[in-house]
């Protein structure tokens, strides 16, 4: 199990972690606010809330693992 979907796309079994597009959006928002004159100490702490589950069925088949349909239904991406 990995934290980054790139590992799953490269052959790993599955990943569950932060959606980087949301993280970069939050970073850009913070940078814009600082560049517009706000003090960094006054900015609220934010954290990405969207997570992505990616499952690689090819890898599961190689190791003889059956992934439950309920888990596949919750996955954001399934690599076949």
PDB file of N, CA and C in Angstrom:
ATOM      1  N   UNK A   1       0.855  -1.169   0.000  1.00  0.00           N
ATOM      2  CA  UNK A   1       0.000   0.000   0.000  1.00  0.00           C
ATOM      3  C   UNK A   1       0.900   1.230   0.000  1.00  0.00           C
ATOM      4  N   UNK A   2       0.589   2.157  -0.870  1.00  0.00           N
ATOM      5  CA  UNK A   2       1.401   3.356  -1.035  1.00  0.00           C
ATOM      6  C   UNK A   2       0.569   4.604  -0.751  1.00  0.00           C
ATOM      7  N   UNK A   3       1.251   5.712  -0.556  1.00  0.00           N
ATOM      8  CA  UNK A   3       0.573   6.984  -0.330  1.00  0.00           C
ATOM      9  C   UNK A   3       0.391   7.765  -1.626  1.00  0.00           C
ATOM     10  N   UNK A   4       1.082   7.367  -2.686  1.00  0.00           N
ATOM     11  CA  UNK A   4       1.052   8.120  -3.941  1.00  0.00           C
ATOM     12  C   UNK A   4       0.563   7.234  -5.083  1.00  0.00           C
ATOM     13  N   UNK A   5      -0.376   7.715  -5.895  1.00  0.00           N
ATOM     14  CA  UNK A   5      -0.920   6.903  -6.979  1.00  0.00           C
ATOM     15  C   UNK A   5       0.108   6.544  -8.052  1.00  0.00           C
ATOM     16  N   UNK A   6       1.175   7.295  -8.160  1.00  0.00           N
ATOM     17  CA  UNK A   6       2.202   6.993  -9.160  1.00  0.00           C
ATOM     18  C   UNK A   6       2.820   5.614  -8.927  1.00  0.00           C
ATOM     19  N   UNK A   7       2.948   5.207  -7.674  1.00  0.00           N
ATOM     20  CA  UNK A   7       3.494   3.887  -7.368  1.00  0.00           C
ATOM     21  C   UNK A   7       2.539   2.781  -7.822  1.00  0.00           C
ATOM     22  N   UNK A   8       1.253   3.015  -7.664  1.00  0.00           N
ATOM     23  CA  UNK A   8       0.263   2.041  -8.102  1.00  0.00           C
ATOM     24  C   UNK A   8       0.241   1.966  -9.625  1.00  0.00           C
ATOM     25  N   UNK A   9       0.331   3.102 -10.276  1.00  0.00           N
ATOM     26  CA  UNK A   9       0.360   3.127 -11.734  1.00  0.00           C
ATOM     27  C   UNK A   9       1.622   2.469 -12.264  1.00  0.00           C
ATOM     28  N   UNK A  10       2.670   2.433 -11.458  1.00  0.00           N
ATOM     29  CA  UNK A  10       3.920   1.797 -11.836  1.00  0.00           C
ATOM     30  C   UNK A  10       3.984   0.312 -11.493  1.00  0.00           C
ATOM     31  N   UNK A  11       2.903  -0.256 -10.942  1.00  0.00           N
ATOM     32  CA  UNK A  11       2.884  -1.683 -10.673  1.00  0.00           C
ATOM     33  C   UNK A  11       2.563  -2.067  -9.248  1.00  0.00           C
ATOM     34  N   UNK A  12       2.425  -1.098  -8.342  1.00  0.00           N
ATOM     35  CA  UNK A  12       2.082  -1.401  -6.954  1.00  0.00           C
ATOM     36  C   UNK A  12       0.632  -1.842  -6.826  1.00  0.00           C
ATOM     37  N   UNK A  13       0.291  -2.453  -5.722  1.00  0.00           N
ATOM     38  CA  UNK A  13      -1.052  -3.002  -5.527  1.00  0.00           C
ATOM     39  C   UNK A  13      -2.115  -1.924  -5.350  1.00  0.00           C
ATOM     40  N   UNK A  14      -1.905  -1.011  -4.403  1.00  0.00           N
ATOM     41  CA  UNK A  14      -2.901   0.046  -4.196  1.00  0.00           C
ATOM     42  C   UNK A  14      -2.280   1.238  -3.493  1.00  0.00           C
ATOM     43  N   UNK A  15      -2.976   2.365  -3.610  1.00  0.00           N
ATOM     44  CA  UNK A  15      -2.528   3.572  -2.925  1.00  0.00           C
ATOM     45  C   UNK A  15      -3.739   4.308  -2.373  1.00  0.00           C
ATOM     46  N   UNK A  16      -3.512   4.987  -1.271  1.00  0.00           N
ATOM     47  CA  UNK A  16      -4.544   5.808  -0.653  1.00  0.00           C
ATOM     48  C   UNK A  16      -3.851   7.021  -0.066  1.00  0.00           C
ATOM     49  N   UNK A  17      -4.154   8.175  -0.600  1.00  0.00           N
ATOM     50  CA  UNK A  17      -3.485   9.372  -0.115  1.00  0.00           C
ATOM     51  C   UNK A  17      -4.129  10.632  -0.641  1.00  0.00           C
ATOM     52  N   UNK A  18      -3.520  11.735  -0.313  1.00  0.00           N
ATOM     53  CA  UNK A  18      -4.014  13.058  -0.667  1.00  0.00           C
ATOM     54  C   UNK A  18      -4.072  13.246  -2.178  1.00  0.00           C
ATOM     55  N   UNK A  19      -5.101  13.936  -2.614  1.00  0.00           N
ATOM     56  CA  UNK A  19      -5.223  14.313  -4.015  1.00  0.00           C
ATOM     57  C   UNK A  19      -4.326  15.537  -4.231  1.00  0.00           C
ATOM     58  N   UNK A  20      -3.261  15.363  -5.006  1.00  0.00           N
ATOM     59  CA  UNK A  20      -2.279  16.435  -5.164  1.00  0.00           C
ATOM     60  C   UNK A  20      -2.835  17.671  -5.849  1.00  0.00           C
ATOM     61  N   UNK A  21      -3.832  17.533  -6.708  1.00  0.00           N
ATOM     62  CA  UNK A  21      -4.399  18.721  -7.348  1.00  0.00           C
ATOM     63  C   UNK A  21      -5.015  19.647  -6.303  1.00  0.00           C
ATOM     64  N   UNK A  22      -5.646  19.082  -5.279  1.00  0.00           N
ATOM     65  CA  UNK A  22      -6.205  19.902  -4.202  1.00  0.00           C
ATOM     66  C   UNK A  22      -5.086  20.542  -3.372  1.00  0.00           C
ATOM     67  N   UNK A  23      -4.029  19.787  -3.111  1.00  0.00           N
ATOM     68  CA  UNK A  23      -2.905  20.315  -2.343  1.00  0.00           C
ATOM     69  C   UNK A  23      -2.266  21.499  -3.054  1.00  0.00           C
ATOM     70  N   UNK A  24      -2.055  21.363  -4.362  1.00  0.00           N
ATOM     71  CA  UNK A  24      -1.454  22.464  -5.121  1.00  0.00           C
ATOM     72  C   UNK A  24      -2.390  23.661  -5.197  1.00  0.00           C
ATOM     73  N   UNK A  25      -3.691  23.433  -5.265  1.00  0.00           N
ATOM     74  CA  UNK A  25      -4.651  24.534  -5.273  1.00  0.00           C
ATOM     75  C   UNK A  25      -4.573  25.306  -3.958  1.00  0.00           C
ATOM     76  N   UNK A  26      -4.528  24.585  -2.836  1.00  0.00           N
ATOM     77  CA  UNK A  26      -4.407  25.245  -1.537  1.00  0.00           C
ATOM     78  C   UNK A  26      -3.101  26.026  -1.430  1.00  0.00           C
ATOM     79  N   UNK A  27      -2.023  25.464  -1.954  1.00  0.00           N
ATOM     80  CA  UNK A  27      -0.725  26.141  -1.936  1.00  0.00           C
ATOM     81  C   UNK A  27      -0.791  27.433  -2.737  1.00  0.00           C
ATOM     82  N   UNK A  28      -1.408  27.375  -3.898  1.00  0.00           N
ATOM     83  CA  UNK A  28      -1.551  28.575  -4.734  1.00  0.00           C
ATOM     84  C   UNK A  28      -2.395  29.647  -4.066  1.00  0.00           C
ATOM     85  N   UNK A  29      -3.447  29.220  -3.380  1.00  0.00           N
ATOM     86  CA  UNK A  29      -4.304  30.166  -2.660  1.00  0.00           C
ATOM     87  C   UNK A  29      -3.506  30.872  -1.565  1.00  0.00           C
ATOM     88  N   UNK A  30      -2.725  30.109  -0.818  1.00  0.00           N
ATOM     89  CA  UNK A  30      -1.885  30.694   0.230  1.00  0.00           C
ATOM     90  C   UNK A  30      -0.881  31.669  -0.364  1.00  0.00           C
ATOM     91  N   UNK A  31      -0.200  31.266  -1.417  1.00  0.00           N
ATOM     92  CA  UNK A  31       0.802  32.141  -2.038  1.00  0.00           C
ATOM     93  C   UNK A  31       0.153  33.434  -2.516  1.00  0.00           C
ATOM     94  N   UNK A  32      -1.020  33.337  -3.114  1.00  0.00           N
ATOM     95  CA  UNK A  32      -1.720  34.535  -3.576  1.00  0.00           C
ATOM     96  C   UNK A  32      -2.076  35.477  -2.443  1.00  0.00           C
ATOM     97  N   UNK A  33      -2.515  34.908  -1.332  1.00  0.00           N
ATOM     98  CA  UNK A  33      -2.872  35.744  -0.189  1.00  0.00           C
ATOM     99  C   UNK A  33      -1.636  36.443   0.388  1.00  0.00           C
ATOM    100  N   UNK A  34      -0.511  35.735   0.470  1.00  0.00           N
ATOM    101  CA  UNK A  34       0.724  36.343   0.983  1.00  0.00           C
ATOM    102  C   UNK A  34       1.198  37.432   0.027  1.00  0.00           C
ATOM    103  N   UNK A  35       1.142  37.173  -1.264  1.00  0.00           N
ATOM    104  CA  UNK A  35       1.569  38.167  -2.249  1.00  0.00           C
ATOM    105  C   UNK A  35       0.656  39.389  -2.268  1.00  0.00           C
ATOM    106  N   UNK A  36      -0.573  39.229  -1.809  1.00  0.00           N
ATOM    107  CA  UNK A  36      -1.496  40.360  -1.721  1.00  0.00           C
ATOM    108  C   UNK A  36      -1.388  41.104  -0.396  1.00  0.00           C
ATOM    109  N   UNK A  37      -0.398  40.742   0.422  1.00  0.00           N
ATOM    110  CA  UNK A  37      -0.110  41.517   1.619  1.00  0.00           C
ATOM    111  C   UNK A  37      -0.530  40.916   2.946  1.00  0.00           C
ATOM    112  N   UNK A  38      -1.181  39.778   2.955  1.00  0.00           N
ATOM    113  CA  UNK A  38      -1.560  39.186   4.238  1.00  0.00           C
ATOM    114  C   UNK A  38      -0.329  38.587   4.916  1.00  0.00           C
ATOM    115  N   UNK A  39      -0.326  38.649   6.235  1.00  0.00           N
ATOM    116  CA  UNK A  39       0.781  38.085   6.992  1.00  0.00           C
ATOM    117  C   UNK A  39       0.583  36.569   7.107  1.00  0.00           C
ATOM    118  N   UNK A  40       1.616  35.796   6.825  1.00  0.00           N
ATOM    119  CA  UNK A  40       1.494  34.337   6.924  1.00  0.00           C
ATOM    120  C   UNK A  40       1.034  33.869   8.306  1.00  0.00           C
ATOM    121  N   UNK A  41       1.427  34.566   9.353  1.00  0.00           N
ATOM    122  CA  UNK A  41       1.039  34.170  10.710  1.00  0.00           C
ATOM    123  C   UNK A  41      -0.466  34.309  10.942  1.00  0.00           C
ATOM    124  N   UNK A  42      -1.135  35.141  10.135  1.00  0.00           N
ATOM    125  CA  UNK A  42      -2.573  35.352  10.293  1.00  0.00           C
ATOM    126  C   UNK A  42      -3.419  34.395   9.447  1.00  0.00           C
ATOM    127  N   UNK A  43      -2.770  33.618   8.596  1.00  0.00           N
ATOM    128  CA  UNK A  43      -3.515  32.701   7.736  1.00  0.00           C
ATOM    129  C   UNK A  43      -3.894  31.437   8.506  1.00  0.00           C
ATOM    130  N   UNK A  44      -5.088  30.924   8.246  1.00  0.00           N
ATOM    131  CA  UNK A  44      -5.501  29.701   8.941  1.00  0.00           C
ATOM    132  C   UNK A  44      -4.715  28.490   8.423  1.00  0.00           C
ATOM    133  N   UNK A  45      -4.580  27.511   9.273  1.00  0.00           N
ATOM    134  CA  UNK A  45      -3.951  26.255   8.857  1.00  0.00           C
ATOM    135  C   UNK A  45      -4.975  25.477   8.050  1.00  0.00           C
ATOM    136  N   UNK A  46      -4.555  25.011   6.893  1.00  0.00           N
ATOM    137  CA  UNK A  46      -5.449  24.231   6.042  1.00  0.00           C
ATOM    138  C   UNK A  46      -4.808  22.893   5.729  1.00  0.00           C
ATOM    139  N   UNK A  47      -5.654  21.944   5.421  1.00  0.00           N
ATOM    140  CA  UNK A  47      -5.186  20.608   5.098  1.00  0.00           C
ATOM    141  C   UNK A  47      -6.089  20.057   4.001  1.00  0.00           C
ATOM    142  N   UNK A  48      -5.488  19.371   3.064  1.00  0.00           N
ATOM    143  CA  UNK A  48      -6.279  18.752   2.008  1.00  0.00           C
ATOM    144  C   UNK A  48      -7.221  17.718   2.623  1.00  0.00           C
ATOM    145  N   UNK A  49      -8.437  17.684   2.133  1.00  0.00           N
ATOM    146  CA  UNK A  49      -9.422  16.758   2.680  1.00  0.00           C
ATOM    147  C   UNK A  49      -9.819  15.669   1.690  1.00  0.00           C
ATOM    148  N   UNK A  50      -9.501  15.856   0.431  1.00  0.00           N
ATOM    149  CA  UNK A  50      -9.858  14.861  -0.573  1.00  0.00           C
ATOM    150  C   UNK A  50      -8.757  13.812  -0.677  1.00  0.00           C
ATOM    151  N   UNK A  51      -9.154  12.554  -0.528  1.00  0.00           N
ATOM    152  CA  UNK A  51      -8.215  11.438  -0.630  1.00  0.00           C
ATOM    153  C   UNK A  51      -8.582  10.607  -1.851  1.00  0.00           C
ATOM    154  N   UNK A  52      -7.575   9.925  -2.423  1.00  0.00           N
ATOM    155  CA  UNK A  52      -7.794   9.080  -3.596  1.00  0.00           C
ATOM    156  C   UNK A  52      -7.371   7.651  -3.303  1.00  0.00           C
ATOM    157  N   UNK A  53      -8.235   6.707  -3.686  1.00  0.00           N
ATOM    158  CA  UNK A  53      -7.931   5.284  -3.592  1.00  0.00           C
ATOM    159  C   UNK A  53      -7.745   4.752  -5.013  1.00  0.00           C
ATOM    160  N   UNK A  54      -6.568   4.193  -5.276  1.00  0.00           N
ATOM    161  CA  UNK A  54      -6.261   3.618  -6.583  1.00  0.00           C
ATOM    162  C   UNK A  54      -5.889   2.158  -6.367  1.00  0.00           C
ATOM    163  N   UNK A  55      -6.519   1.276  -7.144  1.00  0.00           N
ATOM    164  CA  UNK A  55      -6.275  -0.166  -7.023  1.00  0.00           C
ATOM    165  C   UNK A  55      -5.786  -0.697  -8.364  1.00  0.00           C
ATOM    166  N   UNK A  56      -4.731  -1.506  -8.314  1.00  0.00           N
ATOM    167  CA  UNK A  56      -4.152  -2.107  -9.508  1.00  0.00           C
ATOM    168  C   UNK A  56      -4.541  -3.591  -9.542  1.00  0.00           C
ATOM    169  N   UNK A  57      -5.510  -3.920 -10.407  1.00  0.00           N
ATOM    170  CA  UNK A  57      -5.969  -5.304 -10.493  1.00  0.00           C
ATOM    171  C   UNK A  57      -4.929  -6.225 -11.124  1.00  0.00           C
ATOM    172  N   UNK A  58      -4.064  -5.673 -11.975  1.00  0.00           N
ATOM    173  CA  UNK A  58      -2.987  -6.480 -12.556  1.00  0.00           C
ATOM    174  C   UNK A  58      -2.071  -7.007 -11.454  1.00  0.00           C
ATOM    175  N   UNK A  59      -1.689  -6.135 -10.546  1.00  0.00           N
ATOM    176  CA  UNK A  59      -0.810  -6.533  -9.441  1.00  0.00           C
ATOM    177  C   UNK A  59      -1.516  -7.531  -8.528  1.00  0.00           C
ATOM    178  N   UNK A  60      -2.800  -7.333  -8.289  1.00  0.00           N
ATOM    179  CA  UNK A  60      -3.556  -8.259  -7.442  1.00  0.00           C
ATOM    180  C   UNK A  60      -3.597  -9.647  -8.068  1.00  0.00           C
ATOM    181  N   UNK A  61      -3.775  -9.699  -9.382  1.00  0.00           N
ATOM    182  CA  UNK A  61      -3.828 -10.987 -10.078  1.00  0.00           C
ATOM    183  C   UNK A  61      -2.487 -11.713  -9.993  1.00  0.00           C
ATOM    184  N   UNK A  62      -1.386 -10.964 -10.118  1.00  0.00           N
ATOM    185  CA  UNK A  62      -0.050 -11.568 -10.075  1.00  0.00           C
ATOM    186  C   UNK A  62       0.206 -12.251  -8.732  1.00  0.00           C
ATOM    187  N   UNK A  63      -0.247 -11.639  -7.648  1.00  0.00           N
ATOM    188  CA  UNK A  63      -0.003 -12.228  -6.325  1.00  0.00           C
ATOM    189  C   UNK A  63      -1.158 -13.116  -5.853  1.00  0.00           C
ATOM    190  N   UNK A  64      -2.171 -13.282  -6.701  1.00  0.00           N
ATOM    191  CA  UNK A  64      -3.284 -14.165  -6.376  1.00  0.00           C
ATOM    192  C   UNK A  64      -4.236 -13.608  -5.336  1.00  0.00           C
ATOM    193  N   UNK A  65      -4.408 -12.309  -5.332  1.00  0.00           N
ATOM    194  CA  UNK A  65      -5.262 -11.652  -4.347  1.00  0.00           C
ATOM    195  C   UNK A  65      -6.580 -11.226  -4.993  1.00  0.00           C
ATOM    196  N   UNK A  66      -7.688 -11.582  -4.381  1.00  0.00           N
ATOM    197  CA  UNK A  66      -9.006 -11.169  -4.858  1.00  0.00           C
ATOM    198  C   UNK A  66      -9.418  -9.898  -4.122  1.00  0.00           C
ATOM    199  N   UNK A  67      -9.699  -8.855  -4.875  1.00  0.00           N
ATOM    200  CA  UNK A  67     -10.132  -7.581  -4.288  1.00  0.00           C
ATOM    201  C   UNK A  67     -11.659  -7.601  -4.200  1.00  0.00           C
ATOM    202  N   UNK A  68     -12.244  -7.384  -3.028  1.00  0.00           N
ATOM    203  CA  UNK A  68     -13.703  -7.391  -2.881  1.00  0.00           C
ATOM    204  C   UNK A  68     -14.373  -6.310  -3.742  1.00  0.00           C
ATOM    205  N   UNK A  69     -15.535  -6.649  -4.276  1.00  0.00           N
ATOM    206  CA  UNK A  69     -16.283  -5.704  -5.115  1.00  0.00           C
ATOM    207  C   UNK A  69     -16.615  -4.421  -4.359  1.00  0.00           C
ATOM    208  N   UNK A  70     -16.876  -4.529  -3.065  1.00  0.00           N
ATOM    209  CA  UNK A  70     -17.197  -3.346  -2.268  1.00  0.00           C
ATOM    210  C   UNK A  70     -16.031  -2.362  -2.259  1.00  0.00           C
ATOM    211  N   UNK A  71     -14.811  -2.873  -2.202  1.00  0.00           N
ATOM    212  CA  UNK A  71     -13.631  -2.013  -2.215  1.00  0.00           C
ATOM    213  C   UNK A  71     -13.412  -1.428  -3.608  1.00  0.00           C
ATOM    214  N   UNK A  72     -13.620  -2.236  -4.636  1.00  0.00           N
ATOM    215  CA  UNK A  72     -13.472  -1.735  -6.008  1.00  0.00           C
ATOM    216  C   UNK A  72     -14.491  -0.631  -6.285  1.00  0.00           C
ATOM    217  N   UNK A  73     -15.677  -0.757  -5.719  1.00  0.00           N
ATOM    218  CA  UNK A  73     -16.715   0.260  -5.904  1.00  0.00           C
ATOM    219  C   UNK A  73     -16.376   1.590  -5.259  1.00  0.00           C
ATOM    220  N   UNK A  74     -15.549   1.564  -4.261  1.00  0.00           N
ATOM    221  CA  UNK A  74     -15.148   2.795  -3.571  1.00  0.00           C
ATOM    222  C   UNK A  74     -13.894   3.427  -4.162  1.00  0.00           C
ATOM    223  N   UNK A  75     -13.218   2.707  -5.021  1.00  0.00           N
ATOM    224  CA  UNK A  75     -11.966   3.206  -5.585  1.00  0.00           C
ATOM    225  C   UNK A  75     -12.218   4.366  -6.540  1.00  0.00           C
ATOM    226  N   UNK A  76     -11.324   5.349  -6.511  1.00  0.00           N
ATOM    227  CA  UNK A  76     -11.395   6.468  -7.435  1.00  0.00           C
ATOM    228  C   UNK A  76     -10.862   6.070  -8.810  1.00  0.00           C
ATOM    229  N   UNK A  77      -9.951   5.108  -8.824  1.00  0.00           N
ATOM    230  CA  UNK A  77      -9.376   4.625 -10.068  1.00  0.00           C
ATOM    231  C   UNK A  77      -9.019   3.150  -9.913  1.00  0.00           C
ATOM    232  N   UNK A  78      -9.364   2.356 -10.929  1.00  0.00           N
ATOM    233  CA  UNK A  78      -9.033   0.947 -10.942  1.00  0.00           C
ATOM    234  C   UNK A  78      -8.219   0.683 -12.199  1.00  0.00           C
ATOM    235  N   UNK A  79      -7.016   0.181 -12.033  1.00  0.00           N
ATOM    236  CA  UNK A  79      -6.138  -0.140 -13.155  1.00  0.00           C
ATOM    237  C   UNK A  79      -6.346  -1.610 -13.478  1.00  0.00           C
ATOM    238  N   UNK A  80      -6.748  -1.886 -14.735  1.00  0.00           N
ATOM    239  CA  UNK A  80      -7.036  -3.272 -15.119  1.00  0.00           C
ATOM    240  C   UNK A  80      -5.964  -3.856 -16.000  1.00  0.00           C
TER     241      UNK A  80
END
